[in-house]
Amino acid sequence: MIALLKSYFQTPQFAAGVRVNRLHKGSLDRVDGRVVAQTHEGVLVEWPRNGAGWEHPGALCQQG
């Protein structure tokens, strides 16, 4: 139970190569990004359009 509660407050972790989408105000505004790296600064994502950029981990969701 404690592990479940802790998981709600942890920063999401993404492995390099994982495909992600970005959420903004409840809807997807970027799709099919590929994680390049993750640091304490954020997640570097390469997008099919507009190149690469740093994203906040909480704004990303991993594609299933």
C-alpha atoms as a PDB file:
ATOM      1  CA  MET A   1       0.000   0.000   0.000  1.00  0.00           C
ATOM      2  CA  ILE A   2       2.809   2.422   0.869  1.00  0.00           C
ATOM      3  CA  ALA A   3       4.578   1.634  -2.418  1.00  0.00           C
ATOM      4  CA  LEU A   4       1.409   2.531  -4.307  1.00  0.00           C
ATOM      5  CA  LEU A   5       1.122   5.871  -2.522  1.00  0.00           C
ATOM      6  CA  LYS A   6       4.811   6.650  -3.136  1.00  0.00           C
ATOM      7  CA  SER A   7       4.361   5.959  -6.850  1.00  0.00           C
ATOM      8  CA  TYR A   8       1.868   8.846  -7.115  1.00  0.00           C
ATOM      9  CA  PHE A   9       4.555  11.347  -6.064  1.00  0.00           C
ATOM     10  CA  GLN A  10       7.554  10.038  -8.005  1.00  0.00           C
ATOM     11  CA  THR A  11       8.784  11.542 -11.264  1.00  0.00           C
ATOM     12  CA  PRO A  12       7.984   9.229 -14.173  1.00  0.00           C
ATOM     13  CA  GLN A  13      11.056   7.465 -15.602  1.00  0.00           C
ATOM     14  CA  PHE A  14      11.417   6.759 -19.309  1.00  0.00           C
ATOM     15  CA  ALA A  15      14.026   4.488 -20.874  1.00  0.00           C
ATOM     16  CA  ALA A  16      15.904   5.639 -23.974  1.00  0.00           C
ATOM     17  CA  GLY A  17      14.117   4.582 -27.155  1.00  0.00           C
ATOM     18  CA  VAL A  18      10.633   4.499 -25.634  1.00  0.00           C
ATOM     19  CA  ARG A  19       7.883   6.103 -27.720  1.00  0.00           C
ATOM     20  CA  VAL A  20       5.907   8.833 -25.972  1.00  0.00           C
ATOM     21  CA  ASN A  21       3.120  11.350 -26.516  1.00  0.00           C
ATOM     22  CA  ARG A  22       2.829  14.775 -24.868  1.00  0.00           C
ATOM     23  CA  LEU A  23      -0.307  15.949 -23.111  1.00  0.00           C
ATOM     24  CA  HIS A  24      -1.221  19.632 -22.878  1.00  0.00           C
ATOM     25  CA  LYS A  25      -4.398  20.799 -21.109  1.00  0.00           C
ATOM     26  CA  GLY A  26      -5.885  17.314 -21.264  1.00  0.00           C
ATOM     27  CA  SER A  27      -5.309  16.576 -24.951  1.00  0.00           C
ATOM     28  CA  LEU A  28      -2.438  15.215 -27.034  1.00  0.00           C
ATOM     29  CA  ASP A  29      -0.514  17.974 -28.764  1.00  0.00           C
ATOM     30  CA  ARG A  30       2.526  15.945 -29.878  1.00  0.00           C
ATOM     31  CA  VAL A  31       2.662  12.257 -30.761  1.00  0.00           C
ATOM     32  CA  ASP A  32       5.229   9.580 -31.671  1.00  0.00           C
ATOM     33  CA  GLY A  33       8.208  11.086 -29.886  1.00  0.00           C
ATOM     34  CA  ARG A  34      11.216   8.942 -29.049  1.00  0.00           C
ATOM     35  CA  VAL A  35      13.022   9.396 -25.735  1.00  0.00           C
ATOM     36  CA  VAL A  36      16.702  10.162 -26.216  1.00  0.00           C
ATOM     37  CA  ALA A  37      17.694  10.715 -22.570  1.00  0.00           C
ATOM     38  CA  GLN A  38      16.358  11.659 -19.156  1.00  0.00           C
ATOM     39  CA  THR A  39      18.137  13.771 -16.556  1.00  0.00           C
ATOM     40  CA  HIS A  40      17.111  15.768 -13.503  1.00  0.00           C
ATOM     41  CA  GLU A  41      16.445  18.648 -15.972  1.00  0.00           C
ATOM     42  CA  GLY A  42      13.769  16.716 -17.876  1.00  0.00           C
ATOM     43  CA  VAL A  43      13.326  14.313 -20.769  1.00  0.00           C
ATOM     44  CA  LEU A  44      14.962  14.903 -24.144  1.00  0.00           C
ATOM     45  CA  VAL A  45      12.483  13.767 -26.789  1.00  0.00           C
ATOM     46  CA  GLU A  46      13.013  13.610 -30.551  1.00  0.00           C
ATOM     47  CA  TRP A  47       9.752  14.444 -32.318  1.00  0.00           C
ATOM     48  CA  PRO A  48       8.991  13.480 -35.942  1.00  0.00           C
ATOM     49  CA  ARG A  49       8.204  17.153 -36.602  1.00  0.00           C
ATOM     50  CA  ASN A  50       9.925  20.161 -34.985  1.00  0.00           C
ATOM     51  CA  GLY A  51      13.067  18.191 -34.019  1.00  0.00           C
ATOM     52  CA  ALA A  52      14.113  17.445 -30.457  1.00  0.00           C
ATOM     53  CA  GLY A  53      13.242  19.250 -27.255  1.00  0.00           C
ATOM     54  CA  TRP A  54      13.306  18.997 -23.475  1.00  0.00           C
ATOM     55  CA  GLU A  55      10.000  18.027 -21.883  1.00  0.00           C
ATOM     56  CA  HIS A  56       8.720  17.817 -18.314  1.00  0.00           C
ATOM     57  CA  PRO A  57       8.335  14.103 -17.420  1.00  0.00           C
ATOM     58  CA  GLY A  58       4.841  14.664 -16.020  1.00  0.00           C
ATOM     59  CA  ALA A  59       3.622  15.916 -19.404  1.00  0.00           C
ATOM     60  CA  LEU A  60       4.560  12.685 -21.208  1.00  0.00           C
ATOM     61  CA  CYS A  61       2.760   9.366 -21.487  1.00  0.00           C
ATOM     62  CA  GLN A  62       4.335   6.200 -22.808  1.00  0.00           C
ATOM     63  CA  GLN A  63       2.755   4.545 -25.820  1.00  0.00           C
ATOM     64  CA  GLY A  64       1.481   1.022 -25.167  1.00  0.00           C
END
